[in-house]
PDB file of N, CA and C in Angstrom:
ATOM      1  N   UNK A   1      25.934  64.967  15.751  1.00  0.00           N
ATOM      2  CA  UNK A   1      26.948  63.665  15.479  1.00  0.00           C
ATOM      3  C   UNK A   1      28.245  64.251  15.052  1.00  0.00           C
ATOM      4  N   UNK A   2      29.413  63.862  15.656  1.00  0.00           N
ATOM      5  CA  UNK A   2      30.695  64.617  15.211  1.00  0.00           C
ATOM      6  C   UNK A   2      31.057  63.780  13.762  1.00  0.00           C
ATOM      7  N   UNK A   3      32.054  64.647  13.308  1.00  0.00           N
ATOM      8  CA  UNK A   3      32.326  64.161  11.863  1.00  0.00           C
ATOM      9  C   UNK A   3      32.806  62.608  12.048  1.00  0.00           C
ATOM     10  N   UNK A   4      33.772  62.325  13.121  1.00  0.00           N
ATOM     11  CA  UNK A   4      34.329  60.931  13.082  1.00  0.00           C
ATOM     12  C   UNK A   4      33.211  59.839  13.321  1.00  0.00           C
ATOM     13  N   UNK A   5      31.825  60.184  14.002  1.00  0.00           N
ATOM     14  CA  UNK A   5      30.940  59.454  14.193  1.00  0.00           C
ATOM     15  C   UNK A   5      30.193  59.281  12.795  1.00  0.00           C
ATOM     16  N   UNK A   6      29.950  60.295  11.969  1.00  0.00           N
ATOM     17  CA  UNK A   6      29.315  60.150  10.812  1.00  0.00           C
ATOM     18  C   UNK A   6      30.394  59.378   9.839  1.00  0.00           C
ATOM     19  N   UNK A   7      31.632  59.631   9.855  1.00  0.00           N
ATOM     20  CA  UNK A   7      32.680  58.691   9.085  1.00  0.00           C
ATOM     21  C   UNK A   7      32.546  57.288   9.416  1.00  0.00           C
ATOM     22  N   UNK A   8      32.239  56.930  10.769  1.00  0.00           N
ATOM     23  CA  UNK A   8      32.143  55.565  11.062  1.00  0.00           C
ATOM     24  C   UNK A   8      30.955  54.919  10.769  1.00  0.00           C
ATOM     25  N   UNK A   9      29.748  55.753  10.640  1.00  0.00           N
ATOM     26  CA  UNK A   9      28.362  55.275   9.946  1.00  0.00           C
ATOM     27  C   UNK A   9      28.615  55.109   8.480  1.00  0.00           C
ATOM     28  N   UNK A  10      29.071  56.069   7.854  1.00  0.00           N
ATOM     29  CA  UNK A  10      29.244  55.888   6.248  1.00  0.00           C
ATOM     30  C   UNK A  10      30.510  54.431   6.012  1.00  0.00           C
ATOM     31  N   UNK A  11      31.250  54.356   6.877  1.00  0.00           N
ATOM     32  CA  UNK A  11      32.264  53.053   6.458  1.00  0.00           C
ATOM     33  C   UNK A  11      31.274  51.942   6.836  1.00  0.00           C
ATOM     34  N   UNK A  12      30.653  51.922   8.036  1.00  0.00           N
ATOM     35  CA  UNK A  12      29.974  50.770   8.044  1.00  0.00           C
ATOM     36  C   UNK A  12      28.737  50.297   7.085  1.00  0.00           C
ATOM     37  N   UNK A  13      28.326  51.481   6.384  1.00  0.00           N
ATOM     38  CA  UNK A  13      27.232  51.470   5.355  1.00  0.00           C
ATOM     39  C   UNK A  13      28.132  51.207   4.179  1.00  0.00           C
ATOM     40  N   UNK A  14      29.513  51.180   4.163  1.00  0.00           N
ATOM     41  CA  UNK A  14      30.223  51.021   2.695  1.00  0.00           C
ATOM     42  C   UNK A  14      29.971  52.019   1.513  1.00  0.00           C
ATOM     43  N   UNK A  15      29.801  53.429   2.100  1.00  0.00           N
ATOM     44  CA  UNK A  15      29.744  54.558   1.664  1.00  0.00           C
ATOM     45  C   UNK A  15      31.153  55.339   1.605  1.00  0.00           C
ATOM     46  N   UNK A  16      32.131  54.140   0.951  1.00  0.00           N
ATOM     47  CA  UNK A  16      33.403  54.550   1.224  1.00  0.00           C
ATOM     48  C   UNK A  16      33.866  56.091   0.495  1.00  0.00           C
ATOM     49  N   UNK A  17      33.530  56.166  -0.830  1.00  0.00           N
ATOM     50  CA  UNK A  17      33.840  57.434  -1.238  1.00  0.00           C
ATOM     51  C   UNK A  17      33.571  58.849  -0.808  1.00  0.00           C
ATOM     52  N   UNK A  18      32.322  58.826  -0.328  1.00  0.00           N
ATOM     53  CA  UNK A  18      31.667  60.089   0.343  1.00  0.00           C
ATOM     54  C   UNK A  18      32.635  59.955   1.929  1.00  0.00           C
ATOM     55  N   UNK A  19      32.579  58.950   2.440  1.00  0.00           N
ATOM     56  CA  UNK A  19      33.264  58.831   3.805  1.00  0.00           C
ATOM     57  C   UNK A  19      34.522  59.541   3.781  1.00  0.00           C
ATOM     58  N   UNK A  20      35.443  59.541   2.744  1.00  0.00           N
ATOM     59  CA  UNK A  20      36.830  59.895   2.865  1.00  0.00           C
ATOM     60  C   UNK A  20      36.744  61.392   2.827  1.00  0.00           C
ATOM     61  N   UNK A  21      35.612  62.349   2.649  1.00  0.00           N
ATOM     62  CA  UNK A  21      35.387  63.684   2.222  1.00  0.00           C
ATOM     63  C   UNK A  21      35.302  63.839   3.783  1.00  0.00           C
ATOM     64  N   UNK A  22      34.459  63.308   4.682  1.00  0.00           N
ATOM     65  CA  UNK A  22      34.219  63.896   6.016  1.00  0.00           C
ATOM     66  C   UNK A  22      35.119  64.446   6.676  1.00  0.00           C
ATOM     67  N   UNK A  23      36.360  63.678   6.582  1.00  0.00           N
ATOM     68  CA  UNK A  23      37.598  64.082   7.437  1.00  0.00           C
ATOM     69  C   UNK A  23      38.395  65.037   6.806  1.00  0.00           C
ATOM     70  N   UNK A  24      38.154  65.228   5.555  1.00  0.00           N
ATOM     71  CA  UNK A  24      39.162  66.165   4.908  1.00  0.00           C
ATOM     72  C   UNK A  24      39.275  67.724   5.234  1.00  0.00           C
ATOM     73  N   UNK A  25      38.069  68.132   5.961  1.00  0.00           N
ATOM     74  CA  UNK A  25      38.304  69.482   6.527  1.00  0.00           C
ATOM     75  C   UNK A  25      39.118  69.445   7.668  1.00  0.00           C
ATOM     76  N   UNK A  26      39.118  68.455   8.702  1.00  0.00           N
ATOM     77  CA  UNK A  26      39.964  68.452   9.945  1.00  0.00           C
ATOM     78  C   UNK A  26      41.437  68.405   9.346  1.00  0.00           C
ATOM     79  N   UNK A  27      41.478  67.376   8.223  1.00  0.00           N
ATOM     80  CA  UNK A  27      42.893  66.877   7.759  1.00  0.00           C
ATOM     81  C   UNK A  27      43.539  68.200   7.164  1.00  0.00           C
ATOM     82  N   UNK A  28      42.769  69.189   6.613  1.00  0.00           N
ATOM     83  CA  UNK A  28      43.419  70.537   6.161  1.00  0.00           C
ATOM     84  C   UNK A  28      43.658  71.171   7.188  1.00  0.00           C
ATOM     85  N   UNK A  29      42.829  71.391   7.953  1.00  0.00           N
ATOM     86  CA  UNK A  29      43.235  72.060   9.341  1.00  0.00           C
ATOM     87  C   UNK A  29      44.518  71.961   9.926  1.00  0.00           C
ATOM     88  N   UNK A  30      44.788  70.581  10.176  1.00  0.00           N
ATOM     89  CA  UNK A  30      45.823  70.214  11.122  1.00  0.00           C
ATOM     90  C   UNK A  30      47.164  70.314  10.064  1.00  0.00           C
ATOM     91  N   UNK A  31      47.118  70.274   8.727  1.00  0.00           N
ATOM     92  CA  UNK A  31      47.958  70.603   7.946  1.00  0.00           C
ATOM     93  C   UNK A  31      48.467  72.106   8.053  1.00  0.00           C
ATOM     94  N   UNK A  32      47.215  72.982   7.873  1.00  0.00           N
ATOM     95  CA  UNK A  32      47.575  74.389   7.855  1.00  0.00           C
ATOM     96  C   UNK A  32      48.067  74.894   9.388  1.00  0.00           C
ATOM     97  N   UNK A  33      47.998  74.122  10.386  1.00  0.00           N
ATOM     98  CA  UNK A  33      48.416  74.412  11.740  1.00  0.00           C
ATOM     99  C   UNK A  33      49.768  73.743  12.264  1.00  0.00           C
ATOM    100  N   UNK A  34      50.236  73.002  11.060  1.00  0.00           N
ATOM    101  CA  UNK A  34      51.474  72.414  10.919  1.00  0.00           C
ATOM    102  C   UNK A  34      51.411  71.172  12.206  1.00  0.00           C
ATOM    103  N   UNK A  35      50.214  70.641  12.469  1.00  0.00           N
ATOM    104  CA  UNK A  35      50.165  69.543  13.595  1.00  0.00           C
ATOM    105  C   UNK A  35      50.289  68.289  12.369  1.00  0.00           C
ATOM    106  N   UNK A  36      51.431  67.784  11.839  1.00  0.00           N
ATOM    107  CA  UNK A  36      51.681  66.894  10.767  1.00  0.00           C
ATOM    108  C   UNK A  36      51.321  65.499  11.385  1.00  0.00           C
ATOM    109  N   UNK A  37      51.366  65.033  12.565  1.00  0.00           N
ATOM    110  CA  UNK A  37      51.225  63.886  13.177  1.00  0.00           C
ATOM    111  C   UNK A  37      49.605  63.817  13.010  1.00  0.00           C
ATOM    112  N   UNK A  38      48.818  64.651  13.412  1.00  0.00           N
ATOM    113  CA  UNK A  38      47.468  64.251  13.472  1.00  0.00           C
ATOM    114  C   UNK A  38      47.027  64.465  11.997  1.00  0.00           C
ATOM    115  N   UNK A  39      47.459  65.196  11.185  1.00  0.00           N
ATOM    116  CA  UNK A  39      47.212  65.505   9.642  1.00  0.00           C
ATOM    117  C   UNK A  39      47.584  64.045   9.132  1.00  0.00           C
ATOM    118  N   UNK A  40      48.715  63.385   9.263  1.00  0.00           N
ATOM    119  CA  UNK A  40      48.951  62.041   8.780  1.00  0.00           C
ATOM    120  C   UNK A  40      48.148  61.139   9.077  1.00  0.00           C
ATOM    121  N   UNK A  41      47.761  61.040  10.463  1.00  0.00           N
ATOM    122  CA  UNK A  41      46.763  60.199  10.951  1.00  0.00           C
ATOM    123  C   UNK A  41      45.529  60.220  10.411  1.00  0.00           C
ATOM    124  N   UNK A  42      44.946  61.348  10.225  1.00  0.00           N
ATOM    125  CA  UNK A  42      43.647  61.350   9.647  1.00  0.00           C
ATOM    126  C   UNK A  42      43.672  61.197   7.989  1.00  0.00           C
ATOM    127  N   UNK A  43      44.759  61.474   7.265  1.00  0.00           N
ATOM    128  CA  UNK A  43      45.430  60.998   5.952  1.00  0.00           C
ATOM    129  C   UNK A  43      45.010  59.438   5.806  1.00  0.00           C
ATOM    130  N   UNK A  44      45.794  58.738   6.837  1.00  0.00           N
ATOM    131  CA  UNK A  44      45.720  57.080   6.952  1.00  0.00           C
ATOM    132  C   UNK A  44      44.341  56.904   6.619  1.00  0.00           C
ATOM    133  N   UNK A  45      43.382  57.507   7.542  1.00  0.00           N
ATOM    134  CA  UNK A  45      41.720  57.051   7.559  1.00  0.00           C
ATOM    135  C   UNK A  45      40.772  57.360   6.308  1.00  0.00           C
ATOM    136  N   UNK A  46      41.506  58.697   5.603  1.00  0.00           N
ATOM    137  CA  UNK A  46      40.965  59.122   4.478  1.00  0.00           C
ATOM    138  C   UNK A  46      41.394  57.940   3.443  1.00  0.00           C
ATOM    139  N   UNK A  47      42.534  57.667   3.548  1.00  0.00           N
ATOM    140  CA  UNK A  47      43.373  56.931   2.470  1.00  0.00           C
ATOM    141  C   UNK A  47      42.718  55.555   2.664  1.00  0.00           C
ATOM    142  N   UNK A  48      42.242  54.915   3.861  1.00  0.00           N
ATOM    143  CA  UNK A  48      41.747  53.671   3.937  1.00  0.00           C
ATOM    144  C   UNK A  48      40.359  53.595   3.167  1.00  0.00           C
ATOM    145  N   UNK A  49      39.684  54.543   3.347  1.00  0.00           N
ATOM    146  CA  UNK A  49      38.024  54.544   2.762  1.00  0.00           C
ATOM    147  C   UNK A  49      38.291  54.604   1.217  1.00  0.00           C
ATOM    148  N   UNK A  50      39.500  55.536   0.569  1.00  0.00           N
ATOM    149  CA  UNK A  50      39.543  55.708  -0.373  1.00  0.00           C
ATOM    150  C   UNK A  50      40.105  54.486  -1.084  1.00  0.00           C
ATOM    151  N   UNK A  51      40.666  53.630  -0.701  1.00  0.00           N
ATOM    152  CA  UNK A  51      41.355  52.356  -1.118  1.00  0.00           C
ATOM    153  C   UNK A  51      40.175  51.143  -1.058  1.00  0.00           C
ATOM    154  N   UNK A  52      39.387  51.314  -0.188  1.00  0.00           N
ATOM    155  CA  UNK A  52      38.380  50.292  -0.496  1.00  0.00           C
ATOM    156  C   UNK A  52      37.283  50.819  -1.467  1.00  0.00           C
ATOM    157  N   UNK A  53      37.002  52.134  -1.677  1.00  0.00           N
ATOM    158  CA  UNK A  53      36.415  52.496  -2.897  1.00  0.00           C
ATOM    159  C   UNK A  53      36.737  52.084  -4.178  1.00  0.00           C
ATOM    160  N   UNK A  54      38.155  52.042  -4.349  1.00  0.00           N
ATOM    161  CA  UNK A  54      38.932  51.856  -5.308  1.00  0.00           C
ATOM    162  C   UNK A  54      38.775  50.088  -5.622  1.00  0.00           C
ATOM    163  N   UNK A  55      38.932  49.512  -4.575  1.00  0.00           N
ATOM    164  CA  UNK A  55      38.820  47.887  -4.671  1.00  0.00           C
ATOM    165  C   UNK A  55      37.377  47.702  -4.961  1.00  0.00           C
ATOM    166  N   UNK A  56      36.572  48.251  -4.653  1.00  0.00           N
ATOM    167  CA  UNK A  56      35.232  47.844  -4.906  1.00  0.00           C
ATOM    168  C   UNK A  56      34.836  48.196  -6.383  1.00  0.00           C
ATOM    169  N   UNK A  57      35.621  49.141  -6.989  1.00  0.00           N
ATOM    170  CA  UNK A  57      35.416  49.503  -8.582  1.00  0.00           C
ATOM    171  C   UNK A  57      36.384  48.714  -9.256  1.00  0.00           C
ATOM    172  N   UNK A  58      36.928  47.624  -8.775  1.00  0.00           N
ATOM    173  CA  UNK A  58      37.802  46.700  -9.458  1.00  0.00           C
ATOM    174  C   UNK A  58      39.249  47.270  -9.874  1.00  0.00           C
ATOM    175  N   UNK A  59      39.594  48.377  -9.263  1.00  0.00           N
ATOM    176  CA  UNK A  59      40.892  49.025  -9.427  1.00  0.00           C
ATOM    177  C   UNK A  59      41.775  48.468  -8.346  1.00  0.00           C
ATOM    178  N   UNK A  60      42.267  47.345  -8.394  1.00  0.00           N
ATOM    179  CA  UNK A  60      43.035  46.693  -7.269  1.00  0.00           C
ATOM    180  C   UNK A  60      44.621  47.356  -7.209  1.00  0.00           C
ATOM    181  N   UNK A  61      45.149  47.551  -8.206  1.00  0.00           N
ATOM    182  CA  UNK A  61      46.382  48.294  -8.101  1.00  0.00           C
ATOM    183  C   UNK A  61      46.553  49.557  -7.321  1.00  0.00           C
ATOM    184  N   UNK A  62      45.251  50.342  -7.745  1.00  0.00           N
ATOM    185  CA  UNK A  62      45.078  51.531  -7.214  1.00  0.00           C
ATOM    186  C   UNK A  62      44.650  51.379  -5.651  1.00  0.00           C
ATOM    187  N   UNK A  63      44.116  50.285  -5.240  1.00  0.00           N
ATOM    188  CA  UNK A  63      43.842  49.994  -3.896  1.00  0.00           C
ATOM    189  C   UNK A  63      44.906  49.650  -3.181  1.00  0.00           C
ATOM    190  N   UNK A  64      45.805  49.055  -3.788  1.00  0.00           N
ATOM    191  CA  UNK A  64      46.939  48.436  -2.882  1.00  0.00           C
ATOM    192  C   UNK A  64      48.003  49.516  -2.598  1.00  0.00           C
ATOM    193  N   UNK A  65      47.890  50.338  -3.613  1.00  0.00           N
ATOM    194  CA  UNK A  65      48.857  51.698  -3.306  1.00  0.00           C
ATOM    195  C   UNK A  65      48.216  52.450  -2.263  1.00  0.00           C
ATOM    196  N   UNK A  66      47.146  52.899  -2.481  1.00  0.00           N
ATOM    197  CA  UNK A  66      46.387  53.722  -1.439  1.00  0.00           C
ATOM    198  C   UNK A  66      46.090  53.028  -0.029  1.00  0.00           C
ATOM    199  N   UNK A  67      45.943  51.721   0.176  1.00  0.00           N
ATOM    200  CA  UNK A  67      45.925  50.857   1.252  1.00  0.00           C
ATOM    201  C   UNK A  67      47.330  50.957   1.995  1.00  0.00           C
ATOM    202  N   UNK A  68      48.510  50.903   1.311  1.00  0.00           N
ATOM    203  CA  UNK A  68      49.645  51.080   1.938  1.00  0.00           C
ATOM    204  C   UNK A  68      49.805  52.378   2.850  1.00  0.00           C
ATOM    205  N   UNK A  69      49.175  53.434   2.093  1.00  0.00           N
ATOM    206  CA  UNK A  69      49.265  54.914   3.190  1.00  0.00           C
ATOM    207  C   UNK A  69      48.421  54.383   4.414  1.00  0.00           C
ATOM    208  N   UNK A  70      47.475  54.079   4.315  1.00  0.00           N
ATOM    209  CA  UNK A  70      46.559  53.803   5.350  1.00  0.00           C
ATOM    210  C   UNK A  70      47.267  52.938   6.266  1.00  0.00           C
ATOM    211  N   UNK A  71      48.095  51.997   5.948  1.00  0.00           N
ATOM    212  CA  UNK A  71      49.100  51.078   6.814  1.00  0.00           C
ATOM    213  C   UNK A  71      50.044  52.029   7.393  1.00  0.00           C
ATOM    214  N   UNK A  72      50.828  52.698   6.476  1.00  0.00           N
ATOM    215  CA  UNK A  72      51.715  53.566   7.089  1.00  0.00           C
ATOM    216  C   UNK A  72      51.522  54.447   8.027  1.00  0.00           C
ATOM    217  N   UNK A  73      50.388  55.112   8.182  1.00  0.00           N
ATOM    218  CA  UNK A  73      49.925  56.112   9.147  1.00  0.00           C
ATOM    219  C   UNK A  73      48.988  55.820  10.182  1.00  0.00           C
ATOM    220  N   UNK A  74      48.355  54.529  10.160  1.00  0.00           N
ATOM    221  CA  UNK A  74      47.355  54.387  11.011  1.00  0.00           C
ATOM    222  C   UNK A  74      48.043  54.146  12.481  1.00  0.00           C
ATOM    223  N   UNK A  75      49.096  53.702  12.747  1.00  0.00           N
ATOM    224  CA  UNK A  75      49.721  53.886  14.164  1.00  0.00           C
ATOM    225  C   UNK A  75      50.050  55.232  14.574  1.00  0.00           C
ATOM    226  N   UNK A  76      49.927  56.032  14.122  1.00  0.00           N
ATOM    227  CA  UNK A  76      50.000  57.431  14.796  1.00  0.00           C
ATOM    228  C   UNK A  76      48.756  57.841  15.377  1.00  0.00           C
ATOM    229  N   UNK A  77      47.462  57.064  15.276  1.00  0.00           N
ATOM    230  CA  UNK A  77      46.401  57.323  15.937  1.00  0.00           C
ATOM    231  C   UNK A  77      46.806  56.647  17.797  1.00  0.00           C
ATOM    232  N   UNK A  78      47.765  56.104  17.634  1.00  0.00           N
ATOM    233  CA  UNK A  78      48.299  55.466  19.038  1.00  0.00           C
ATOM    234  C   UNK A  78      48.924  56.859  19.596  1.00  0.00           C
ATOM    235  N   UNK A  79      49.434  57.350  18.856  1.00  0.00           N
ATOM    236  CA  UNK A  79      50.520  58.395  19.618  1.00  0.00           C
ATOM    237  C   UNK A  79      49.964  59.841  19.892  1.00  0.00           C
ATOM    238  N   UNK A  80      49.208  60.241  19.202  1.00  0.00           N
ATOM    239  CA  UNK A  80      48.607  61.504  19.329  1.00  0.00           C
ATOM    240  C   UNK A  80      47.270  61.887  20.068  1.00  0.00           C
ATOM    241  N   UNK A  81      47.088  63.002  20.582  1.00  0.00           N
ATOM    242  CA  UNK A  81      45.961  63.191  21.431  1.00  0.00           C
ATOM    243  C   UNK A  81      44.840  63.865  20.442  1.00  0.00           C
ATOM    244  N   UNK A  82      43.799  63.384  20.506  1.00  0.00           N
ATOM    245  CA  UNK A  82      42.616  63.913  19.634  1.00  0.00           C
ATOM    246  C   UNK A  82      41.349  63.813  20.732  1.00  0.00           C
ATOM    247  N   UNK A  83      40.457  64.690  20.227  1.00  0.00           N
ATOM    248  CA  UNK A  83      39.098  64.654  20.800  1.00  0.00           C
ATOM    249  C   UNK A  83      38.454  63.599  20.256  1.00  0.00           C
ATOM    250  N   UNK A  84      37.813  62.800  21.189  1.00  0.00           N
ATOM    251  CA  UNK A  84      37.064  61.572  20.508  1.00  0.00           C
ATOM    252  C   UNK A  84      37.965  60.463  20.054  1.00  0.00           C
ATOM    253  N   UNK A  85      39.163  60.405  20.832  1.00  0.00           N
ATOM    254  CA  UNK A  85      40.133  59.636  20.055  1.00  0.00           C
ATOM    255  C   UNK A  85      39.470  58.126  20.406  1.00  0.00           C
ATOM    256  N   UNK A  86      38.951  57.777  21.080  1.00  0.00           N
ATOM    257  CA  UNK A  86      38.119  56.174  20.774  1.00  0.00           C
ATOM    258  C   UNK A  86      37.394  56.111  19.839  1.00  0.00           C
ATOM    259  N   UNK A  87      36.805  57.091  19.106  1.00  0.00           N
ATOM    260  CA  UNK A  87      36.177  56.852  17.681  1.00  0.00           C
ATOM    261  C   UNK A  87      36.988  56.799  16.830  1.00  0.00           C
ATOM    262  N   UNK A  88      38.169  57.522  16.773  1.00  0.00           N
ATOM    263  CA  UNK A  88      39.134  57.370  15.694  1.00  0.00           C
ATOM    264  C   UNK A  88      40.049  55.858  15.749  1.00  0.00           C
ATOM    265  N   UNK A  89      39.895  55.563  16.953  1.00  0.00           N
ATOM    266  CA  UNK A  89      40.640  54.079  16.989  1.00  0.00           C
ATOM    267  C   UNK A  89      39.498  53.114  16.515  1.00  0.00           C
ATOM    268  N   UNK A  90      38.389  53.303  16.798  1.00  0.00           N
ATOM    269  CA  UNK A  90      37.213  52.523  16.284  1.00  0.00           C
ATOM    270  C   UNK A  90      37.099  52.484  14.655  1.00  0.00           C
ATOM    271  N   UNK A  91      37.356  53.643  14.435  1.00  0.00           N
ATOM    272  CA  UNK A  91      37.194  54.064  12.776  1.00  0.00           C
ATOM    273  C   UNK A  91      38.565  53.070  12.103  1.00  0.00           C
ATOM    274  N   UNK A  92      39.432  53.252  12.910  1.00  0.00           N
ATOM    275  CA  UNK A  92      41.006  52.255  12.063  1.00  0.00           C
ATOM    276  C   UNK A  92      40.079  50.884  12.220  1.00  0.00           C
ATOM    277  N   UNK A  93      39.771  50.399  13.313  1.00  0.00           N
ATOM    278  CA  UNK A  93      39.454  48.830  13.736  1.00  0.00           C
ATOM    279  C   UNK A  93      38.374  48.519  12.529  1.00  0.00           C
ATOM    280  N   UNK A  94      37.475  49.353  12.258  1.00  0.00           N
ATOM    281  CA  UNK A  94      36.483  49.287  11.331  1.00  0.00           C
ATOM    282  C   UNK A  94      36.892  49.098   9.935  1.00  0.00           C
ATOM    283  N   UNK A  95      37.893  49.888   9.457  1.00  0.00           N
ATOM    284  CA  UNK A  95      38.512  49.881   8.082  1.00  0.00           C
ATOM    285  C   UNK A  95      39.276  48.438   7.979  1.00  0.00           C
ATOM    286  N   UNK A  96      39.794  48.069   9.113  1.00  0.00           N
ATOM    287  CA  UNK A  96      40.502  46.792   8.826  1.00  0.00           C
ATOM    288  C   UNK A  96      39.453  45.885   8.611  1.00  0.00           C
ATOM    289  N   UNK A  97      38.490  45.987   9.478  1.00  0.00           N
ATOM    290  CA  UNK A  97      37.497  44.927   9.354  1.00  0.00           C
ATOM    291  C   UNK A  97      36.769  44.842   7.894  1.00  0.00           C
ATOM    292  N   UNK A  98      36.128  46.127   7.560  1.00  0.00           N
ATOM    293  CA  UNK A  98      35.957  46.263   6.103  1.00  0.00           C
ATOM    294  C   UNK A  98      36.806  45.594   5.023  1.00  0.00           C
ATOM    295  N   UNK A  99      37.856  45.945   5.255  1.00  0.00           N
ATOM    296  CA  UNK A  99      38.845  45.589   4.216  1.00  0.00           C
ATOM    297  C   UNK A  99      38.746  44.226   4.207  1.00  0.00           C
ATOM    298  N   UNK A 100      38.868  43.486   5.042  1.00  0.00           N
ATOM    299  CA  UNK A 100      38.684  42.023   5.026  1.00  0.00           C
ATOM    300  C   UNK A 100      37.488  41.567   4.404  1.00  0.00           C
ATOM    301  N   UNK A 101      36.473  42.172   4.761  1.00  0.00           N
ATOM    302  CA  UNK A 101      35.100  41.858   4.157  1.00  0.00           C
ATOM    303  C   UNK A 101      35.025  42.220   2.677  1.00  0.00           C
ATOM    304  N   UNK A 102      35.237  43.355   2.278  1.00  0.00           N
ATOM    305  CA  UNK A 102      35.386  43.693   0.871  1.00  0.00           C
ATOM    306  C   UNK A 102      36.188  43.112   0.147  1.00  0.00           C
ATOM    307  N   UNK A 103      37.212  42.633   0.368  1.00  0.00           N
ATOM    308  CA  UNK A 103      38.554  41.917  -0.528  1.00  0.00           C
ATOM    309  C   UNK A 103      37.861  40.769  -0.483  1.00  0.00           C
ATOM    310  N   UNK A 104      37.614  39.840   0.722  1.00  0.00           N
ATOM    311  CA  UNK A 104      36.980  38.327   0.469  1.00  0.00           C
ATOM    312  C   UNK A 104      35.680  38.283  -0.273  1.00  0.00           C
ATOM    313  N   UNK A 105      34.825  39.324  -0.191  1.00  0.00           N
ATOM    314  CA  UNK A 105      33.640  39.453  -0.706  1.00  0.00           C
ATOM    315  C   UNK A 105      33.846  39.348  -2.434  1.00  0.00           C
ATOM    316  N   UNK A 106      34.700  40.395  -2.800  1.00  0.00           N
ATOM    317  CA  UNK A 106      35.053  40.567  -4.249  1.00  0.00           C
ATOM    318  C   UNK A 106      35.569  39.230  -4.798  1.00  0.00           C
ATOM    319  N   UNK A 107      36.441  38.629  -3.896  1.00  0.00           N
ATOM    320  CA  UNK A 107      37.306  37.366  -4.483  1.00  0.00           C
ATOM    321  C   UNK A 107      36.098  36.416  -4.498  1.00  0.00           C
ATOM    322  N   UNK A 108      35.491  36.185  -3.788  1.00  0.00           N
ATOM    323  CA  UNK A 108      34.328  35.194  -3.746  1.00  0.00           C
ATOM    324  C   UNK A 108      33.432  35.405  -4.964  1.00  0.00           C
ATOM    325  N   UNK A 109      33.195  36.585  -5.449  1.00  0.00           N
ATOM    326  CA  UNK A 109      32.481  36.940  -6.795  1.00  0.00           C
ATOM    327  C   UNK A 109      33.124  36.396  -7.940  1.00  0.00           C
ATOM    328  N   UNK A 110      34.429  36.400  -7.855  1.00  0.00           N
ATOM    329  CA  UNK A 110      35.280  35.878  -9.165  1.00  0.00           C
ATOM    330  C   UNK A 110      35.390  34.551  -9.164  1.00  0.00           C
ATOM    331  N   UNK A 111      35.070  33.872  -8.120  1.00  0.00           N
ATOM    332  CA  UNK A 111      35.420  32.249  -8.015  1.00  0.00           C
ATOM    333  C   UNK A 111      34.094  31.411  -8.957  1.00  0.00           C
TER     334      UNK A 111
END
């Protein structure tokens, strides 16, 4: 199973904190190779999971700040070439879906 497939599986299971670590190696490698668009695209996915982990911990301000980074970089996935690109696009859509689920779920718990 590829890293992005593992990432998707962890996000599906709402294992947000460990999921963000899955793509860090590739993110660092792209930075080192000066492939900044790819690095920032992965940074967006990493920040998406980090934001959701923060939200689940009740750290809404932290969530908002980090989610903004995801929103800032997610469109780069449309512009770059990646192996298994369809998985990266699916990961992005899953993060949007999970964001909606997690934020609504938590709001319902407060009502």
